[in-house]
Amino acid sequence: MSMNHYDYIKVEQDGGVATLTLLREAKLNAMNSAMMAELTDCFRRIHERADVRAAILTGSGKAFMAGADIEEYSGFDLGAFFAFQNKGRDMYRAIEECAKPVIAAVNGYALGGGFELALACDLIVASEKAKFGLPEVKLGLVPGGGGIQKALRAVGPYAAKEMLMTGRFLSAGEAMELRIVNEVTEPERLLPAAASLAQQIAEKAPLAVQALKKLVNEGRDASLETAQAYDRSYLASLFYSRDAQEGIAAFVEKRDPVFTGK
């Protein structure tokens, strides 16, 4: 399953961590149909690869992703516009449904669909130069890639309404205060910080990490009782895994565990 055949993504792997870099620098990495299809394909492949335990997504140049390519869809009729939106939804879903945790390393502008792309990831590390925003209201539109509901769940209704209705940009510091971003770093430390976080996760038991992603993503919209029952069922199934038995044995024997994802 090669991940080296893309035009708009560079994929590099270091141990169990894959780093994806968007390569449309001249357009501030704006999403076009081809890029969306490549990202969808790439994350579906990562989902299947046992040798990848975590992924980092970042942008080249001054932007993480400055939204959708407006020039591409400006002449669309309604059917073509919704087809374009559906390709974006497939891309976000490929990240959300990828069993492996995905860290967005936001180096610059993450606007519109670019902010939604970061919100589709599991964790966000941001450069001090990063800017976040959902400015679709300035075009007479609303976010269509999940940004409204994810912003609502991340920051609450009042902060979400203010951000969405004004279309203003958030600094990395503001995003950190709103608990959207996990860590803010100097620009030159962005990728090392994201890689360090990814490596910490990659060292843990893969089946447990994958279960945690699924339980958090699906449990947030369930009732407390339903979500807790789901947690317990996963705990029971993991108890008989080789990794759980290895983790317990390593704890008792006071040594580092060796997890294999089985």
Protein backbone atom coordinates (compact mmCIF):
# COMPACT_ATOMS: atom_id res chain seq x y z
CA MET A 1 0.00 0.00 0.00
CA SER A 2 2.22 2.79 -1.27
CA MET A 3 1.66 6.32 0.00
CA ASN A 4 4.24 7.95 -2.27
CA HIS A 5 2.21 8.54 -5.41
CA TYR A 6 0.39 11.76 -4.52
CA ASP A 7 0.68 15.13 -6.27
CA TYR A 8 -0.48 17.32 -3.39
CA ILE A 9 0.79 15.39 -0.34
CA LYS A 10 4.28 14.36 0.72
CA VAL A 11 4.26 11.33 3.03
CA GLU A 12 7.23 10.50 5.22
CA GLN A 13 7.49 7.80 7.87
CA ASP A 14 9.75 7.66 10.91
CA GLY A 15 9.18 4.49 12.87
CA GLY A 16 5.50 4.25 13.68
CA VAL A 17 4.75 7.89 12.84
CA ALA A 18 3.68 9.06 9.37
CA THR A 19 3.92 12.77 8.53
CA LEU A 20 1.74 14.19 5.75
CA THR A 21 2.67 17.60 4.32
CA LEU A 22 0.29 19.50 2.03
CA LEU A 23 2.14 20.69 -1.08
CA ARG A 24 0.00 23.43 -2.62
CA GLU A 25 2.11 26.22 -1.18
CA ALA A 26 1.46 28.74 -3.99
CA LYS A 27 -2.27 28.53 -3.16
CA LEU A 28 -1.74 28.51 0.62
CA ASN A 29 -2.60 24.80 0.41
CA ALA A 30 -6.20 25.60 -0.53
CA MET A 31 -8.27 22.44 -1.00
CA ASN A 32 -9.16 21.42 -4.52
CA SER A 33 -10.95 18.22 -5.53
CA ALA A 34 -7.71 16.37 -6.26
CA MET A 35 -6.18 17.19 -2.88
CA MET A 36 -9.33 16.08 -1.07
CA ALA A 37 -9.31 12.77 -2.95
CA GLU A 38 -5.63 12.22 -2.12
CA LEU A 39 -6.13 12.93 1.58
CA THR A 40 -9.12 10.61 1.68
CA ASP A 41 -7.11 7.83 0.05
CA CYS A 42 -4.07 8.41 2.24
CA PHE A 43 -5.93 8.27 5.56
CA ARG A 44 -7.81 5.16 4.48
CA ARG A 45 -4.44 3.53 3.77
CA ILE A 46 -3.05 4.67 7.14
CA HIS A 47 -6.09 3.12 8.79
CA GLU A 48 -5.08 -0.27 7.36
CA ARG A 49 -1.33 -0.12 7.97
CA ALA A 50 -0.07 -1.95 11.04
CA ASP A 51 3.31 -0.19 10.78
CA VAL A 52 1.72 3.26 11.31
CA ARG A 53 0.60 3.98 14.86
CA ALA A 54 0.09 7.76 14.65
CA ALA A 55 0.03 10.45 11.97
CA ILE A 56 0.90 14.14 11.72
CA LEU A 57 -0.76 16.47 9.21
CA THR A 58 0.86 19.81 8.38
CA GLY A 59 1.13 22.36 5.58
CA SER A 60 4.00 23.73 3.51
CA GLY A 61 4.86 27.43 3.44
CA LYS A 62 2.83 30.03 5.33
CA ALA A 63 -0.39 28.07 5.69
CA PHE A 64 -1.73 24.86 7.12
CA MET A 65 -4.68 25.18 4.76
CA ALA A 66 -6.37 28.46 3.85
CA GLY A 67 -9.74 26.85 3.13
CA ALA A 68 -11.33 25.52 -0.03
CA ASP A 69 -10.18 26.65 -3.46
CA ILE A 70 -12.88 29.24 -4.14
CA GLU A 71 -11.71 29.65 -7.73
CA GLU A 72 -12.56 25.99 -8.38
CA TYR A 73 -16.15 26.14 -7.15
CA SER A 74 -17.02 29.74 -8.03
CA GLY A 75 -18.65 28.70 -11.32
CA PHE A 76 -20.37 25.56 -10.04
CA ASP A 77 -24.09 24.98 -10.24
CA LEU A 78 -25.78 23.69 -7.08
CA GLY A 79 -25.26 20.02 -7.95
CA ALA A 80 -21.55 20.45 -8.64
CA PHE A 81 -21.15 22.53 -5.48
CA PHE A 82 -22.69 19.83 -3.31
CA ALA A 83 -20.58 17.17 -5.03
CA PHE A 84 -17.52 19.25 -4.07
CA GLN A 85 -18.79 19.49 -0.49
CA ASN A 86 -19.38 15.74 -0.36
CA LYS A 87 -15.76 15.10 -1.37
CA GLY A 88 -14.75 17.27 1.56
CA ARG A 89 -17.02 15.33 3.89
CA ASP A 90 -15.44 12.06 2.70
CA MET A 91 -12.01 13.52 3.51
CA TYR A 92 -12.96 14.63 7.03
CA ARG A 93 -14.65 11.28 7.68
CA ALA A 94 -11.53 9.40 6.54
CA ILE A 95 -9.58 11.21 9.27
CA GLU A 96 -12.26 10.78 11.92
CA GLU A 97 -12.71 7.09 11.12
CA CYS A 98 -8.98 6.38 10.80
CA ALA A 99 -8.14 4.08 13.69
CA LYS A 100 -4.81 5.83 14.21
CA PRO A 101 -4.64 9.14 16.11
CA VAL A 102 -3.97 12.16 13.89
CA ILE A 103 -2.19 15.30 15.09
CA ALA A 104 -2.66 18.55 13.17
CA ALA A 105 0.58 20.58 13.23
CA VAL A 106 -0.79 24.00 12.29
CA ASN A 107 2.02 26.16 10.95
CA GLY A 108 0.03 29.16 9.68
CA TYR A 109 -3.45 29.91 8.37
CA ALA A 110 -6.12 27.30 9.15
CA LEU A 111 -9.22 28.92 7.74
CA GLY A 112 -12.63 27.66 6.67
CA GLY A 113 -12.15 24.11 5.44
CA GLY A 114 -8.58 24.26 6.76
CA PHE A 115 -9.84 24.87 10.30
CA GLU A 116 -12.37 22.09 9.77
CA LEU A 117 -9.50 19.86 8.65
CA ALA A 118 -7.65 20.57 11.90
CA LEU A 119 -10.84 19.97 13.90
CA ALA A 120 -11.23 16.58 12.21
CA CYS A 121 -7.88 15.58 13.73
CA ASP A 122 -7.56 14.24 17.27
CA LEU A 123 -5.05 16.75 18.64
CA ILE A 124 -3.79 20.15 17.48
CA VAL A 125 -0.30 21.57 18.00
CA ALA A 126 0.03 25.15 16.74
CA SER A 127 2.83 27.50 15.84
CA GLU A 128 2.73 30.93 17.44
CA LYS A 129 2.08 32.20 13.89
CA ALA A 130 -1.04 30.08 13.41
CA LYS A 131 -4.39 31.71 12.72
CA PHE A 132 -7.71 29.89 13.00
CA GLY A 133 -11.08 30.97 11.64
CA LEU A 134 -14.38 30.03 10.04
CA PRO A 135 -14.94 33.14 7.88
CA GLU A 136 -17.60 31.68 5.54
CA VAL A 137 -20.10 34.32 6.70
CA LYS A 138 -17.99 36.89 4.84
CA LEU A 139 -18.88 35.06 1.60
CA GLY A 140 -22.55 34.80 2.48
CA LEU A 141 -22.10 31.11 3.36
CA VAL A 142 -21.81 28.89 6.44
CA PRO A 143 -19.22 26.18 7.17
CA GLY A 144 -20.24 22.86 5.62
CA GLY A 145 -17.47 20.52 6.71
CA GLY A 146 -18.48 20.04 10.32
CA GLY A 147 -17.00 23.26 11.68
CA ILE A 148 -20.21 24.63 13.18
CA GLN A 149 -21.01 21.62 15.31
CA LYS A 150 -17.39 20.92 16.24
CA ALA A 151 -16.82 24.52 17.29
CA LEU A 152 -20.02 24.39 19.33
CA ARG A 153 -18.89 21.25 21.13
CA ALA A 154 -15.36 22.55 21.62
CA VAL A 155 -16.01 26.05 22.95
CA GLY A 156 -19.73 26.25 23.83
CA PRO A 157 -22.57 28.14 22.11
CA TYR A 158 -21.65 31.72 22.98
CA ALA A 159 -18.01 31.63 21.92
CA ALA A 160 -18.96 29.58 18.84
CA LYS A 161 -21.64 32.06 17.75
CA GLU A 162 -19.27 35.01 18.17
CA MET A 163 -16.55 33.30 16.14
CA LEU A 164 -18.92 32.13 13.41
CA MET A 165 -21.04 35.27 13.10
CA THR A 166 -18.09 37.66 12.91
CA GLY A 167 -15.82 35.37 10.92
CA ARG A 168 -12.86 36.72 12.85
CA PHE A 169 -9.56 34.91 13.14
CA LEU A 170 -8.25 33.45 16.38
CA SER A 171 -4.60 33.63 17.32
CA ALA A 172 -2.86 30.47 18.49
CA GLY A 173 -3.01 31.82 22.04
CA GLU A 174 -6.77 32.43 21.84
CA ALA A 175 -7.31 28.96 20.41
CA MET A 176 -5.28 27.55 23.31
CA GLU A 177 -7.40 29.48 25.83
CA LEU A 178 -10.55 28.06 24.23
CA ARG A 179 -9.07 24.55 24.55
CA ILE A 180 -9.12 23.99 20.79
CA VAL A 181 -5.32 23.71 20.66
CA ASN A 182 -3.31 21.33 22.86
CA GLU A 183 0.06 23.10 22.62
CA VAL A 184 1.52 26.32 21.17
CA THR A 185 5.17 26.35 20.13
CA GLU A 186 7.75 28.56 18.46
CA PRO A 187 7.56 28.09 14.67
CA GLU A 188 10.83 26.16 14.50
CA ARG A 189 9.65 23.81 17.27
CA LEU A 190 6.29 22.94 15.71
CA LEU A 191 7.15 19.69 13.95
CA PRO A 192 9.49 18.42 16.69
CA ALA A 193 6.73 19.08 19.25
CA ALA A 194 4.14 17.28 17.11
CA ALA A 195 6.57 14.41 16.51
CA SER A 196 7.27 14.10 20.24
CA LEU A 197 3.55 13.92 21.00
CA ALA A 198 2.98 11.41 18.19
CA GLN A 199 5.85 9.25 19.43
CA GLN A 200 4.49 9.24 22.98
CA ILE A 201 1.22 7.90 21.60
CA ALA A 202 2.89 5.45 19.19
CA GLU A 203 4.71 3.82 22.12
CA LYS A 204 1.44 2.93 23.84
CA ALA A 205 -0.66 -0.18 23.19
CA PRO A 206 -2.15 0.31 19.69
CA LEU A 207 -5.46 -1.44 20.37
CA ALA A 208 -6.05 0.66 23.49
CA VAL A 209 -5.16 3.89 21.69
CA GLN A 210 -7.51 3.04 18.84
CA ALA A 211 -10.28 2.19 21.30
CA LEU A 212 -9.80 5.49 23.12
CA LYS A 213 -10.17 7.47 19.89
CA LYS A 214 -13.38 5.64 19.06
CA LEU A 215 -14.80 5.88 22.58
CA VAL A 216 -14.20 9.63 22.88
CA ASN A 217 -15.48 10.43 19.38
CA GLU A 218 -18.63 8.34 19.71
CA GLY A 219 -19.25 8.80 23.41
CA ARG A 220 -19.48 12.60 23.35
CA ASP A 221 -22.89 12.49 21.65
CA ALA A 222 -24.28 9.54 23.63
CA SER A 223 -25.95 9.59 27.02
CA LEU A 224 -23.61 9.19 29.98
CA GLU A 225 -24.98 5.75 30.82
CA THR A 226 -24.70 4.53 27.22
CA ALA A 227 -21.17 5.88 26.82
CA GLN A 228 -20.01 4.30 30.07
CA ALA A 229 -21.48 0.95 29.06
CA TYR A 230 -19.60 1.23 25.77
CA ASP A 231 -16.38 1.98 27.71
CA ARG A 232 -16.82 -1.12 29.85
CA SER A 233 -17.45 -3.39 26.88
CA TYR A 234 -14.21 -2.22 25.24
CA LEU A 235 -12.33 -2.67 28.51
CA ALA A 236 -13.54 -6.25 28.75
CA SER A 237 -12.54 -7.04 25.16
CA LEU A 238 -9.08 -5.49 25.61
CA PHE A 239 -8.39 -7.42 28.81
CA TYR A 240 -7.82 -10.61 26.82
CA SER A 241 -5.55 -8.98 24.23
CA ARG A 242 -1.86 -9.88 24.15
CA ASP A 243 -0.96 -6.23 24.67
CA ALA A 244 -3.00 -5.99 27.88
CA GLN A 245 -1.42 -9.13 29.24
CA GLU A 246 2.01 -7.78 28.27
CA GLY A 247 1.27 -4.42 29.90
CA ILE A 248 0.13 -6.05 33.15
CA ALA A 249 3.10 -8.42 33.20
CA ALA A 250 5.55 -5.58 32.51
CA PHE A 251 4.06 -3.55 35.38
CA VAL A 252 4.41 -6.47 37.80
CA GLU A 253 7.94 -7.23 36.60
CA LYS A 254 8.94 -3.55 36.68
CA ARG A 255 10.07 -3.39 33.03
CA ASP A 256 9.03 -1.53 29.89
CA PRO A 257 6.25 -3.25 27.94
CA VAL A 258 6.66 -4.30 24.32
CA PHE A 259 3.34 -3.78 22.54
CA THR A 260 2.58 -5.48 19.22
CA GLY A 261 -0.98 -4.38 18.50
CA LYS A 262 -2.44 -7.84 19.12
